[in-house]
PDB file of N, CA and C in Angstrom:
ATOM      1  N   UNK A   1       0.888  -1.206   0.076  1.00  0.00           N
ATOM      2  CA  UNK A   1      -0.007   0.073  -0.057  1.00  0.00           C
ATOM      3  C   UNK A   1       0.828   1.258  -0.068  1.00  0.00           C
ATOM      4  N   UNK A   2       0.648   2.289  -0.714  1.00  0.00           N
ATOM      5  CA  UNK A   2       1.209   3.385  -0.951  1.00  0.00           C
ATOM      6  C   UNK A   2       0.551   4.525  -0.205  1.00  0.00           C
ATOM      7  N   UNK A   3       1.455   5.419   0.505  1.00  0.00           N
ATOM      8  CA  UNK A   3       0.723   6.605   1.080  1.00  0.00           C
ATOM      9  C   UNK A   3       1.828   7.678   0.608  1.00  0.00           C
ATOM     10  N   UNK A   4       1.017   8.608  -0.161  1.00  0.00           N
ATOM     11  CA  UNK A   4       1.703   9.819  -0.832  1.00  0.00           C
ATOM     12  C   UNK A   4       2.968   9.658  -1.485  1.00  0.00           C
ATOM     13  N   UNK A   5       2.806   8.587  -2.254  1.00  0.00           N
ATOM     14  CA  UNK A   5       4.056   8.043  -3.117  1.00  0.00           C
ATOM     15  C   UNK A   5       5.166   7.226  -2.425  1.00  0.00           C
ATOM     16  N   UNK A   6       4.984   7.057  -1.261  1.00  0.00           N
ATOM     17  CA  UNK A   6       5.931   6.593  -0.488  1.00  0.00           C
ATOM     18  C   UNK A   6       5.522   5.178   0.233  1.00  0.00           C
ATOM     19  N   UNK A   7       6.349   4.096   0.333  1.00  0.00           N
ATOM     20  CA  UNK A   7       6.068   2.803   1.013  1.00  0.00           C
ATOM     21  C   UNK A   7       5.727   3.150   2.473  1.00  0.00           C
ATOM     22  N   UNK A   8       4.679   2.312   3.066  1.00  0.00           N
ATOM     23  CA  UNK A   8       4.270   2.696   4.463  1.00  0.00           C
ATOM     24  C   UNK A   8       5.311   2.356   5.506  1.00  0.00           C
ATOM     25  N   UNK A   9       6.378   1.289   5.099  1.00  0.00           N
ATOM     26  CA  UNK A   9       7.373   1.151   6.002  1.00  0.00           C
ATOM     27  C   UNK A   9       8.536   2.096   6.219  1.00  0.00           C
ATOM     28  N   UNK A  10       8.324   3.201   5.483  1.00  0.00           N
ATOM     29  CA  UNK A  10       9.323   4.321   5.568  1.00  0.00           C
ATOM     30  C   UNK A  10      10.531   4.384   4.579  1.00  0.00           C
ATOM     31  N   UNK A  11      11.335   5.185   4.390  1.00  0.00           N
ATOM     32  CA  UNK A  11      12.260   5.491   3.536  1.00  0.00           C
ATOM     33  C   UNK A  11      13.604   4.648   4.117  1.00  0.00           C
ATOM     34  N   UNK A  12      14.035   3.718   3.432  1.00  0.00           N
ATOM     35  CA  UNK A  12      15.369   3.006   3.587  1.00  0.00           C
ATOM     36  C   UNK A  12      16.454   3.852   2.828  1.00  0.00           C
ATOM     37  N   UNK A  13      15.957   4.315   1.601  1.00  0.00           N
ATOM     38  CA  UNK A  13      17.018   5.153   0.780  1.00  0.00           C
ATOM     39  C   UNK A  13      16.169   6.590   0.815  1.00  0.00           C
ATOM     40  N   UNK A  14      17.172   7.672   1.251  1.00  0.00           N
ATOM     41  CA  UNK A  14      16.597   8.867   1.493  1.00  0.00           C
ATOM     42  C   UNK A  14      17.366   9.951   0.304  1.00  0.00           C
ATOM     43  N   UNK A  15      16.744  11.058   0.510  1.00  0.00           N
ATOM     44  CA  UNK A  15      17.160  12.203  -0.105  1.00  0.00           C
ATOM     45  C   UNK A  15      17.012  12.156  -1.739  1.00  0.00           C
ATOM     46  N   UNK A  16      16.269  11.333  -2.165  1.00  0.00           N
ATOM     47  CA  UNK A  16      15.864  11.099  -3.641  1.00  0.00           C
ATOM     48  C   UNK A  16      14.319  10.536  -3.612  1.00  0.00           C
ATOM     49  N   UNK A  17      13.812  11.096  -4.754  1.00  0.00           N
ATOM     50  CA  UNK A  17      12.323  10.604  -4.817  1.00  0.00           C
ATOM     51  C   UNK A  17      12.213   9.305  -5.086  1.00  0.00           C
ATOM     52  N   UNK A  18      11.094   8.695  -4.708  1.00  0.00           N
ATOM     53  CA  UNK A  18      10.901   7.434  -4.677  1.00  0.00           C
ATOM     54  C   UNK A  18       9.813   7.061  -5.902  1.00  0.00           C
ATOM     55  N   UNK A  19       9.806   5.949  -6.471  1.00  0.00           N
ATOM     56  CA  UNK A  19       8.741   5.589  -7.497  1.00  0.00           C
ATOM     57  C   UNK A  19       8.707   6.329  -8.908  1.00  0.00           C
ATOM     58  N   UNK A  20      10.106   6.768  -9.047  1.00  0.00           N
ATOM     59  CA  UNK A  20      10.009   7.695 -10.424  1.00  0.00           C
ATOM     60  C   UNK A  20      11.451   7.485 -10.928  1.00  0.00           C
ATOM     61  N   UNK A  21      11.658   7.513 -12.255  1.00  0.00           N
ATOM     62  CA  UNK A  21      12.877   7.304 -12.870  1.00  0.00           C
ATOM     63  C   UNK A  21      13.741   8.563 -12.680  1.00  0.00           C
ATOM     64  N   UNK A  22      14.998   8.321 -12.013  1.00  0.00           N
ATOM     65  CA  UNK A  22      15.876   9.223 -11.691  1.00  0.00           C
ATOM     66  C   UNK A  22      17.019   9.377 -12.668  1.00  0.00           C
ATOM     67  N   UNK A  23      17.499  10.395 -13.223  1.00  0.00           N
ATOM     68  CA  UNK A  23      18.857  10.439 -13.739  1.00  0.00           C
ATOM     69  C   UNK A  23      19.640  10.744 -12.778  1.00  0.00           C
ATOM     70  N   UNK A  24      20.450   9.610 -12.271  1.00  0.00           N
ATOM     71  CA  UNK A  24      21.075   9.333 -10.935  1.00  0.00           C
ATOM     72  C   UNK A  24      22.318  10.453 -10.834  1.00  0.00           C
ATOM     73  N   UNK A  25      22.983  10.749 -12.098  1.00  0.00           N
ATOM     74  CA  UNK A  25      23.932  11.531 -12.310  1.00  0.00           C
ATOM     75  C   UNK A  25      23.597  13.020 -12.033  1.00  0.00           C
ATOM     76  N   UNK A  26      22.436  13.512 -12.187  1.00  0.00           N
ATOM     77  CA  UNK A  26      22.015  14.973 -11.732  1.00  0.00           C
ATOM     78  C   UNK A  26      21.628  14.939 -10.340  1.00  0.00           C
ATOM     79  N   UNK A  27      21.647  13.936  -9.446  1.00  0.00           N
ATOM     80  CA  UNK A  27      21.289  14.021  -8.045  1.00  0.00           C
ATOM     81  C   UNK A  27      22.346  14.636  -7.293  1.00  0.00           C
ATOM     82  N   UNK A  28      23.588  14.963  -7.757  1.00  0.00           N
ATOM     83  CA  UNK A  28      24.727  15.554  -7.080  1.00  0.00           C
ATOM     84  C   UNK A  28      25.298  16.538  -8.014  1.00  0.00           C
ATOM     85  N   UNK A  29      25.684  17.652  -7.683  1.00  0.00           N
ATOM     86  CA  UNK A  29      26.155  18.809  -8.402  1.00  0.00           C
ATOM     87  C   UNK A  29      27.722  18.934  -8.378  1.00  0.00           C
ATOM     88  N   UNK A  30      28.287  19.301  -9.357  1.00  0.00           N
ATOM     89  CA  UNK A  30      29.826  19.668  -9.052  1.00  0.00           C
ATOM     90  C   UNK A  30      29.849  20.980  -8.543  1.00  0.00           C
ATOM     91  N   UNK A  31      30.951  21.234  -7.614  1.00  0.00           N
ATOM     92  CA  UNK A  31      31.167  22.728  -7.168  1.00  0.00           C
ATOM     93  C   UNK A  31      32.625  22.854  -7.081  1.00  0.00           C
ATOM     94  N   UNK A  32      33.074  24.001  -7.878  1.00  0.00           N
ATOM     95  CA  UNK A  32      34.502  24.404  -7.815  1.00  0.00           C
ATOM     96  C   UNK A  32      35.356  24.104  -6.542  1.00  0.00           C
ATOM     97  N   UNK A  33      36.361  23.389  -6.825  1.00  0.00           N
ATOM     98  CA  UNK A  33      37.473  23.013  -5.892  1.00  0.00           C
ATOM     99  C   UNK A  33      36.831  22.196  -4.588  1.00  0.00           C
ATOM    100  N   UNK A  34      35.833  21.548  -4.708  1.00  0.00           N
ATOM    101  CA  UNK A  34      35.251  20.624  -3.822  1.00  0.00           C
ATOM    102  C   UNK A  34      34.889  19.172  -4.226  1.00  0.00           C
ATOM    103  N   UNK A  35      34.658  18.342  -3.073  1.00  0.00           N
ATOM    104  CA  UNK A  35      34.091  17.170  -3.274  1.00  0.00           C
ATOM    105  C   UNK A  35      32.805  17.368  -2.755  1.00  0.00           C
ATOM    106  N   UNK A  36      31.572  17.045  -3.563  1.00  0.00           N
ATOM    107  CA  UNK A  36      30.191  16.937  -2.942  1.00  0.00           C
ATOM    108  C   UNK A  36      29.708  15.596  -2.977  1.00  0.00           C
ATOM    109  N   UNK A  37      29.238  15.417  -1.572  1.00  0.00           N
ATOM    110  CA  UNK A  37      28.408  13.857  -1.336  1.00  0.00           C
ATOM    111  C   UNK A  37      26.985  14.125  -0.929  1.00  0.00           C
ATOM    112  N   UNK A  38      26.329  13.122  -1.195  1.00  0.00           N
ATOM    113  CA  UNK A  38      24.833  13.032  -0.930  1.00  0.00           C
ATOM    114  C   UNK A  38      24.687  11.640  -0.329  1.00  0.00           C
ATOM    115  N   UNK A  39      24.385  11.676   0.860  1.00  0.00           N
ATOM    116  CA  UNK A  39      24.127  10.189   1.483  1.00  0.00           C
ATOM    117  C   UNK A  39      22.677   9.689   1.177  1.00  0.00           C
ATOM    118  N   UNK A  40      22.557   8.629   0.493  1.00  0.00           N
ATOM    119  CA  UNK A  40      21.328   7.941   0.198  1.00  0.00           C
ATOM    120  C   UNK A  40      20.886   7.048   1.125  1.00  0.00           C
ATOM    121  N   UNK A  41      21.611   6.123   1.861  1.00  0.00           N
ATOM    122  CA  UNK A  41      21.170   5.446   2.977  1.00  0.00           C
ATOM    123  C   UNK A  41      22.405   4.836   3.630  1.00  0.00           C
ATOM    124  N   UNK A  42      22.322   4.731   4.986  1.00  0.00           N
ATOM    125  CA  UNK A  42      23.428   4.458   5.913  1.00  0.00           C
ATOM    126  C   UNK A  42      23.029   3.714   7.080  1.00  0.00           C
ATOM    127  N   UNK A  43      23.649   2.600   7.359  1.00  0.00           N
ATOM    128  CA  UNK A  43      23.255   1.910   8.468  1.00  0.00           C
ATOM    129  C   UNK A  43      24.408   0.955   8.854  1.00  0.00           C
ATOM    130  N   UNK A  44      24.324   0.034   9.805  1.00  0.00           N
ATOM    131  CA  UNK A  44      25.294  -0.851  10.094  1.00  0.00           C
ATOM    132  C   UNK A  44      25.702  -1.792   9.123  1.00  0.00           C
ATOM    133  N   UNK A  45      24.882  -2.031   8.094  1.00  0.00           N
ATOM    134  CA  UNK A  45      25.182  -3.055   6.915  1.00  0.00           C
ATOM    135  C   UNK A  45      25.547  -2.559   5.854  1.00  0.00           C
ATOM    136  N   UNK A  46      25.109  -1.179   5.388  1.00  0.00           N
ATOM    137  CA  UNK A  46      25.617  -0.655   4.209  1.00  0.00           C
ATOM    138  C   UNK A  46      25.522   0.923   4.130  1.00  0.00           C
ATOM    139  N   UNK A  47      26.177   1.592   3.297  1.00  0.00           N
ATOM    140  CA  UNK A  47      26.024   2.757   2.953  1.00  0.00           C
ATOM    141  C   UNK A  47      26.099   3.002   1.607  1.00  0.00           C
ATOM    142  N   UNK A  48      25.439   3.931   1.041  1.00  0.00           N
ATOM    143  CA  UNK A  48      25.162   4.416  -0.489  1.00  0.00           C
ATOM    144  C   UNK A  48      25.449   5.945  -0.408  1.00  0.00           C
ATOM    145  N   UNK A  49      26.265   6.281  -1.160  1.00  0.00           N
ATOM    146  CA  UNK A  49      26.528   7.723  -1.183  1.00  0.00           C
ATOM    147  C   UNK A  49      26.879   7.992  -2.707  1.00  0.00           C
ATOM    148  N   UNK A  50      26.368   9.177  -3.196  1.00  0.00           N
ATOM    149  CA  UNK A  50      26.854   9.854  -4.616  1.00  0.00           C
ATOM    150  C   UNK A  50      27.791  10.961  -4.213  1.00  0.00           C
ATOM    151  N   UNK A  51      28.935  10.893  -5.046  1.00  0.00           N
ATOM    152  CA  UNK A  51      29.857  12.003  -5.041  1.00  0.00           C
ATOM    153  C   UNK A  51      29.986  12.667  -6.230  1.00  0.00           C
ATOM    154  N   UNK A  52      30.137  13.855  -6.270  1.00  0.00           N
ATOM    155  CA  UNK A  52      30.975  14.866  -7.332  1.00  0.00           C
ATOM    156  C   UNK A  52      32.152  15.331  -6.992  1.00  0.00           C
ATOM    157  N   UNK A  53      33.196  15.064  -7.849  1.00  0.00           N
ATOM    158  CA  UNK A  53      34.587  15.522  -7.541  1.00  0.00           C
ATOM    159  C   UNK A  53      35.071  16.605  -8.546  1.00  0.00           C
ATOM    160  N   UNK A  54      35.501  17.782  -8.190  1.00  0.00           N
ATOM    161  CA  UNK A  54      35.923  18.513  -9.078  1.00  0.00           C
ATOM    162  C   UNK A  54      37.528  18.084  -9.543  1.00  0.00           C
ATOM    163  N   UNK A  55      37.742  18.407 -10.770  1.00  0.00           N
ATOM    164  CA  UNK A  55      39.073  17.839 -11.189  1.00  0.00           C
ATOM    165  C   UNK A  55      40.149  18.176 -10.368  1.00  0.00           C
ATOM    166  N   UNK A  56      41.065  17.133  -9.949  1.00  0.00           N
ATOM    167  CA  UNK A  56      42.211  17.307  -9.072  1.00  0.00           C
ATOM    168  C   UNK A  56      41.869  17.162  -7.530  1.00  0.00           C
ATOM    169  N   UNK A  57      40.620  16.881  -7.214  1.00  0.00           N
ATOM    170  CA  UNK A  57      40.262  16.838  -5.826  1.00  0.00           C
ATOM    171  C   UNK A  57      40.490  15.157  -5.647  1.00  0.00           C
ATOM    172  N   UNK A  58      40.604  14.980  -4.286  1.00  0.00           N
ATOM    173  CA  UNK A  58      40.746  13.546  -4.018  1.00  0.00           C
ATOM    174  C   UNK A  58      40.356  12.957  -2.560  1.00  0.00           C
ATOM    175  N   UNK A  59      40.227  11.956  -2.384  1.00  0.00           N
ATOM    176  CA  UNK A  59      40.208  11.351  -1.048  1.00  0.00           C
ATOM    177  C   UNK A  59      41.409  10.585  -0.941  1.00  0.00           C
ATOM    178  N   UNK A  60      42.236  10.760   0.004  1.00  0.00           N
ATOM    179  CA  UNK A  60      43.377  10.235   0.131  1.00  0.00           C
ATOM    180  C   UNK A  60      43.408   8.814   0.850  1.00  0.00           C
ATOM    181  N   UNK A  61      44.496   8.203   0.755  1.00  0.00           N
ATOM    182  CA  UNK A  61      44.379   6.677   1.126  1.00  0.00           C
ATOM    183  C   UNK A  61      43.969   6.345   2.387  1.00  0.00           C
ATOM    184  N   UNK A  62      43.085   5.489   2.445  1.00  0.00           N
ATOM    185  CA  UNK A  62      42.680   4.919   3.825  1.00  0.00           C
ATOM    186  C   UNK A  62      42.094   3.675   3.643  1.00  0.00           C
ATOM    187  N   UNK A  63      41.633   3.042   4.522  1.00  0.00           N
ATOM    188  CA  UNK A  63      40.962   1.677   4.632  1.00  0.00           C
ATOM    189  C   UNK A  63      39.371   1.753   5.067  1.00  0.00           C
ATOM    190  N   UNK A  64      38.753   0.794   4.776  1.00  0.00           N
ATOM    191  CA  UNK A  64      37.283   0.730   5.019  1.00  0.00           C
ATOM    192  C   UNK A  64      36.886  -0.716   5.755  1.00  0.00           C
ATOM    193  N   UNK A  65      36.109  -0.793   6.613  1.00  0.00           N
ATOM    194  CA  UNK A  65      35.652  -2.183   7.191  1.00  0.00           C
ATOM    195  C   UNK A  65      34.780  -2.921   6.439  1.00  0.00           C
ATOM    196  N   UNK A  66      34.370  -2.227   5.222  1.00  0.00           N
ATOM    197  CA  UNK A  66      33.567  -2.996   4.447  1.00  0.00           C
ATOM    198  C   UNK A  66      34.145  -3.012   2.825  1.00  0.00           C
ATOM    199  N   UNK A  67      33.344  -3.881   2.145  1.00  0.00           N
ATOM    200  CA  UNK A  67      33.705  -3.853   0.703  1.00  0.00           C
ATOM    201  C   UNK A  67      33.046  -2.700  -0.005  1.00  0.00           C
ATOM    202  N   UNK A  68      33.917  -1.854  -0.777  1.00  0.00           N
ATOM    203  CA  UNK A  68      33.305  -0.558  -1.442  1.00  0.00           C
ATOM    204  C   UNK A  68      33.375  -0.774  -2.962  1.00  0.00           C
ATOM    205  N   UNK A  69      32.126  -0.777  -3.488  1.00  0.00           N
ATOM    206  CA  UNK A  69      31.730  -0.822  -4.958  1.00  0.00           C
ATOM    207  C   UNK A  69      31.798   0.616  -5.517  1.00  0.00           C
ATOM    208  N   UNK A  70      32.749   1.050  -6.262  1.00  0.00           N
ATOM    209  CA  UNK A  70      32.594   2.411  -6.968  1.00  0.00           C
ATOM    210  C   UNK A  70      31.987   2.139  -8.319  1.00  0.00           C
ATOM    211  N   UNK A  71      30.838   2.812  -8.640  1.00  0.00           N
ATOM    212  CA  UNK A  71      30.410   3.006 -10.088  1.00  0.00           C
ATOM    213  C   UNK A  71      30.587   4.505 -10.512  1.00  0.00           C
ATOM    214  N   UNK A  72      31.263   4.561 -11.528  1.00  0.00           N
ATOM    215  CA  UNK A  72      31.562   5.838 -12.127  1.00  0.00           C
ATOM    216  C   UNK A  72      30.242   6.218 -13.006  1.00  0.00           C
ATOM    217  N   UNK A  73      29.756   7.466 -12.600  1.00  0.00           N
ATOM    218  CA  UNK A  73      28.548   7.860 -13.401  1.00  0.00           C
ATOM    219  C   UNK A  73      28.700   8.917 -14.376  1.00  0.00           C
ATOM    220  N   UNK A  74      29.979   9.577 -14.269  1.00  0.00           N
ATOM    221  CA  UNK A  74      30.269  10.693 -15.100  1.00  0.00           C
ATOM    222  C   UNK A  74      31.902  10.902 -15.096  1.00  0.00           C
ATOM    223  N   UNK A  75      32.478  11.359 -16.284  1.00  0.00           N
ATOM    224  CA  UNK A  75      33.872  11.687 -16.192  1.00  0.00           C
ATOM    225  C   UNK A  75      34.865  10.610 -15.941  1.00  0.00           C
ATOM    226  N   UNK A  76      36.142  10.933 -15.359  1.00  0.00           N
ATOM    227  CA  UNK A  76      37.181  10.004 -15.379  1.00  0.00           C
ATOM    228  C   UNK A  76      37.778  10.003 -13.906  1.00  0.00           C
ATOM    229  N   UNK A  77      37.867   8.807 -13.128  1.00  0.00           N
ATOM    230  CA  UNK A  77      38.370   9.044 -11.819  1.00  0.00           C
ATOM    231  C   UNK A  77      39.444   7.866 -11.761  1.00  0.00           C
ATOM    232  N   UNK A  78      40.636   8.097 -10.859  1.00  0.00           N
ATOM    233  CA  UNK A  78      41.729   7.067 -10.730  1.00  0.00           C
ATOM    234  C   UNK A  78      41.401   6.542  -9.307  1.00  0.00           C
ATOM    235  N   UNK A  79      41.295   5.172  -9.313  1.00  0.00           N
ATOM    236  CA  UNK A  79      41.112   4.484  -8.083  1.00  0.00           C
ATOM    237  C   UNK A  79      42.396   3.887  -7.930  1.00  0.00           C
ATOM    238  N   UNK A  80      43.083   3.754  -6.618  1.00  0.00           N
ATOM    239  CA  UNK A  80      44.258   3.365  -6.239  1.00  0.00           C
ATOM    240  C   UNK A  80      43.825   2.284  -5.118  1.00  0.00           C
ATOM    241  N   UNK A  81      44.148   0.956  -5.513  1.00  0.00           N
ATOM    242  CA  UNK A  81      43.803  -0.005  -4.385  1.00  0.00           C
ATOM    243  C   UNK A  81      45.198  -0.833  -4.101  1.00  0.00           C
ATOM    244  N   UNK A  82      45.510  -0.813  -2.896  1.00  0.00           N
ATOM    245  CA  UNK A  82      47.046  -1.469  -2.621  1.00  0.00           C
ATOM    246  C   UNK A  82      48.000  -1.051  -3.274  1.00  0.00           C
ATOM    247  N   UNK A  83      48.056   0.316  -3.694  1.00  0.00           N
ATOM    248  CA  UNK A  83      49.153   0.834  -4.445  1.00  0.00           C
ATOM    249  C   UNK A  83      48.874   0.593  -6.098  1.00  0.00           C
ATOM    250  N   UNK A  84      48.032  -0.013  -6.586  1.00  0.00           N
ATOM    251  CA  UNK A  84      47.748  -0.355  -8.065  1.00  0.00           C
ATOM    252  C   UNK A  84      46.748   0.557  -8.393  1.00  0.00           C
ATOM    253  N   UNK A  85      47.181   1.603  -9.619  1.00  0.00           N
ATOM    254  CA  UNK A  85      46.093   2.631 -10.032  1.00  0.00           C
ATOM    255  C   UNK A  85      45.263   1.939 -11.016  1.00  0.00           C
ATOM    256  N   UNK A  86      44.025   2.414 -10.979  1.00  0.00           N
ATOM    257  CA  UNK A  86      42.932   1.959 -12.111  1.00  0.00           C
ATOM    258  C   UNK A  86      42.212   3.133 -12.517  1.00  0.00           C
ATOM    259  N   UNK A  87      42.122   3.448 -13.852  1.00  0.00           N
ATOM    260  CA  UNK A  87      41.730   4.523 -14.496  1.00  0.00           C
ATOM    261  C   UNK A  87      40.190   4.198 -14.823  1.00  0.00           C
ATOM    262  N   UNK A  88      39.164   4.708 -14.387  1.00  0.00           N
ATOM    263  CA  UNK A  88      37.725   4.346 -14.666  1.00  0.00           C
ATOM    264  C   UNK A  88      36.883   5.432 -15.225  1.00  0.00           C
ATOM    265  N   UNK A  89      36.283   5.061 -16.321  1.00  0.00           N
ATOM    266  CA  UNK A  89      35.468   5.916 -17.162  1.00  0.00           C
ATOM    267  C   UNK A  89      33.806   5.584 -16.864  1.00  0.00           C
ATOM    268  N   UNK A  90      32.921   6.624 -17.015  1.00  0.00           N
ATOM    269  CA  UNK A  90      31.665   6.460 -17.099  1.00  0.00           C
ATOM    270  C   UNK A  90      31.131   5.033 -17.381  1.00  0.00           C
ATOM    271  N   UNK A  91      30.415   4.626 -16.432  1.00  0.00           N
ATOM    272  CA  UNK A  91      29.808   3.168 -16.623  1.00  0.00           C
ATOM    273  C   UNK A  91      30.727   1.991 -16.123  1.00  0.00           C
ATOM    274  N   UNK A  92      31.885   2.189 -15.773  1.00  0.00           N
ATOM    275  CA  UNK A  92      32.894   1.154 -15.335  1.00  0.00           C
ATOM    276  C   UNK A  92      32.736   1.217 -13.581  1.00  0.00           C
ATOM    277  N   UNK A  93      33.100   0.106 -13.152  1.00  0.00           N
ATOM    278  CA  UNK A  93      32.886  -0.071 -11.754  1.00  0.00           C
ATOM    279  C   UNK A  93      34.092  -0.951 -11.196  1.00  0.00           C
ATOM    280  N   UNK A  94      34.453  -0.739 -10.106  1.00  0.00           N
ATOM    281  CA  UNK A  94      35.611  -1.674  -9.271  1.00  0.00           C
ATOM    282  C   UNK A  94      35.247  -1.848  -7.754  1.00  0.00           C
ATOM    283  N   UNK A  95      35.715  -2.893  -7.121  1.00  0.00           N
ATOM    284  CA  UNK A  95      35.342  -3.112  -5.930  1.00  0.00           C
ATOM    285  C   UNK A  95      36.872  -2.855  -5.181  1.00  0.00           C
ATOM    286  N   UNK A  96      36.704  -1.968  -4.106  1.00  0.00           N
ATOM    287  CA  UNK A  96      37.734  -1.745  -3.196  1.00  0.00           C
ATOM    288  C   UNK A  96      37.432  -2.786  -1.970  1.00  0.00           C
ATOM    289  N   UNK A  97      38.325  -3.715  -1.741  1.00  0.00           N
ATOM    290  CA  UNK A  97      38.151  -4.641  -0.749  1.00  0.00           C
ATOM    291  C   UNK A  97      38.437  -4.003   0.454  1.00  0.00           C
ATOM    292  N   UNK A  98      37.581  -4.667   1.688  1.00  0.00           N
ATOM    293  CA  UNK A  98      37.635  -4.320   3.040  1.00  0.00           C
ATOM    294  C   UNK A  98      39.025  -4.453   3.637  1.00  0.00           C
ATOM    295  N   UNK A  99      39.420  -3.577   4.295  1.00  0.00           N
ATOM    296  CA  UNK A  99      40.801  -3.637   5.183  1.00  0.00           C
ATOM    297  C   UNK A  99      41.923  -3.401   4.102  1.00  0.00           C
ATOM    298  N   UNK A 100      41.825  -2.984   2.817  1.00  0.00           N
ATOM    299  CA  UNK A 100      42.895  -2.730   2.043  1.00  0.00           C
ATOM    300  C   UNK A 100      42.805  -1.118   1.620  1.00  0.00           C
ATOM    301  N   UNK A 101      44.176  -0.630   1.770  1.00  0.00           N
ATOM    302  CA  UNK A 101      44.338   0.767   1.560  1.00  0.00           C
ATOM    303  C   UNK A 101      43.895   1.198  -0.131  1.00  0.00           C
ATOM    304  N   UNK A 102      43.119   2.198  -0.010  1.00  0.00           N
ATOM    305  CA  UNK A 102      42.325   2.696  -1.285  1.00  0.00           C
ATOM    306  C   UNK A 102      42.476   4.150  -1.357  1.00  0.00           C
ATOM    307  N   UNK A 103      42.421   4.818  -2.529  1.00  0.00           N
ATOM    308  CA  UNK A 103      42.183   6.245  -2.583  1.00  0.00           C
ATOM    309  C   UNK A 103      41.461   6.568  -3.938  1.00  0.00           C
ATOM    310  N   UNK A 104      40.948   7.812  -3.856  1.00  0.00           N
ATOM    311  CA  UNK A 104      40.102   8.065  -5.098  1.00  0.00           C
ATOM    312  C   UNK A 104      40.562   9.518  -5.707  1.00  0.00           C
ATOM    313  N   UNK A 105      40.762   9.760  -6.859  1.00  0.00           N
ATOM    314  CA  UNK A 105      41.350  11.114  -7.433  1.00  0.00           C
ATOM    315  C   UNK A 105      40.775  11.313  -8.654  1.00  0.00           C
ATOM    316  N   UNK A 106      40.254  12.704  -8.979  1.00  0.00           N
ATOM    317  CA  UNK A 106      39.516  13.184  -9.916  1.00  0.00           C
ATOM    318  C   UNK A 106      40.306  13.515 -11.045  1.00  0.00           C
ATOM    319  N   UNK A 107      40.786  12.620 -12.091  1.00  0.00           N
ATOM    320  CA  UNK A 107      41.366  12.899 -13.411  1.00  0.00           C
ATOM    321  C   UNK A 107      40.876  14.121 -14.013  1.00  0.00           C
ATOM    322  N   UNK A 108      39.447  14.116 -14.078  1.00  0.00           N
ATOM    323  CA  UNK A 108      38.588  14.938 -14.677  1.00  0.00           C
ATOM    324  C   UNK A 108      37.449  15.300 -13.793  1.00  0.00           C
ATOM    325  N   UNK A 109      36.661  16.205 -13.965  1.00  0.00           N
ATOM    326  CA  UNK A 109      35.492  16.114 -13.038  1.00  0.00           C
ATOM    327  C   UNK A 109      34.858  14.823 -13.005  1.00  0.00           C
ATOM    328  N   UNK A 110      34.356  14.280 -11.991  1.00  0.00           N
ATOM    329  CA  UNK A 110      33.869  12.894 -12.082  1.00  0.00           C
ATOM    330  C   UNK A 110      32.714  12.747 -10.997  1.00  0.00           C
ATOM    331  N   UNK A 111      31.695  11.859 -11.348  1.00  0.00           N
ATOM    332  CA  UNK A 111      30.782  11.458 -10.411  1.00  0.00           C
ATOM    333  C   UNK A 111      30.773  10.057 -10.160  1.00  0.00           C
ATOM    334  N   UNK A 112      30.510   9.633  -8.854  1.00  0.00           N
ATOM    335  CA  UNK A 112      30.498   8.010  -8.473  1.00  0.00           C
ATOM    336  C   UNK A 112      29.248   7.841  -7.678  1.00  0.00           C
ATOM    337  N   UNK A 113      28.913   6.780  -7.735  1.00  0.00           N
ATOM    338  CA  UNK A 113      27.906   5.951  -6.806  1.00  0.00           C
ATOM    339  C   UNK A 113      28.772   5.061  -5.992  1.00  0.00           C
ATOM    340  N   UNK A 114      28.839   5.294  -4.577  1.00  0.00           N
ATOM    341  CA  UNK A 114      29.589   4.549  -3.683  1.00  0.00           C
ATOM    342  C   UNK A 114      28.857   3.638  -2.673  1.00  0.00           C
ATOM    343  N   UNK A 115      28.890   2.350  -3.049  1.00  0.00           N
ATOM    344  CA  UNK A 115      28.215   1.231  -2.251  1.00  0.00           C
ATOM    345  C   UNK A 115      29.080   0.653  -1.303  1.00  0.00           C
ATOM    346  N   UNK A 116      29.020   0.599   0.012  1.00  0.00           N
ATOM    347  CA  UNK A 116      29.729   0.017   1.015  1.00  0.00           C
ATOM    348  C   UNK A 116      29.015  -1.104   1.504  1.00  0.00           C
ATOM    349  N   UNK A 117      29.340  -2.334   1.697  1.00  0.00           N
ATOM    350  CA  UNK A 117      28.825  -3.213   2.428  1.00  0.00           C
ATOM    351  C   UNK A 117      29.564  -3.842   3.530  1.00  0.00           C
ATOM    352  N   UNK A 118      29.046  -3.778   4.561  1.00  0.00           N
ATOM    353  CA  UNK A 118      29.694  -4.192   6.062  1.00  0.00           C
ATOM    354  C   UNK A 118      29.211  -5.534   6.308  1.00  0.00           C
ATOM    355  N   UNK A 119      30.123  -6.460   7.052  1.00  0.00           N
ATOM    356  CA  UNK A 119      29.476  -7.701   7.581  1.00  0.00           C
ATOM    357  C   UNK A 119      29.072  -7.428   8.949  1.00  0.00           C
ATOM    358  N   UNK A 120      28.371  -8.308   9.494  1.00  0.00           N
ATOM    359  CA  UNK A 120      27.791  -8.097  11.070  1.00  0.00           C
ATOM    360  C   UNK A 120      28.743  -8.295  12.079  1.00  0.00           C
TER     361      UNK A 120
END
């Protein structure tokens, strides 16, 4: 049963409209000199976040407790996993394994959807 276009059990995915086709790439905007993020879901089992990186911006090397899937929505990003660099373009994806050092760098302006899955 739907109430005002939303499922009665509440939103598990937030900050986007439910039940409509979304141009996901347009849900987060580029801003000069910044990395912009928009959290769509976050709990103890997973997180789902959109990012827009201005050219030259980066998230420095770090580790995560969960496996992290990067899906590039626009532009070109360089993902470094355990010292190995990978150049990703729109439509490409890569998994950054849990407990392994990784970093993200915007070779060009780029947008990505990051999904992190955690064990219990």
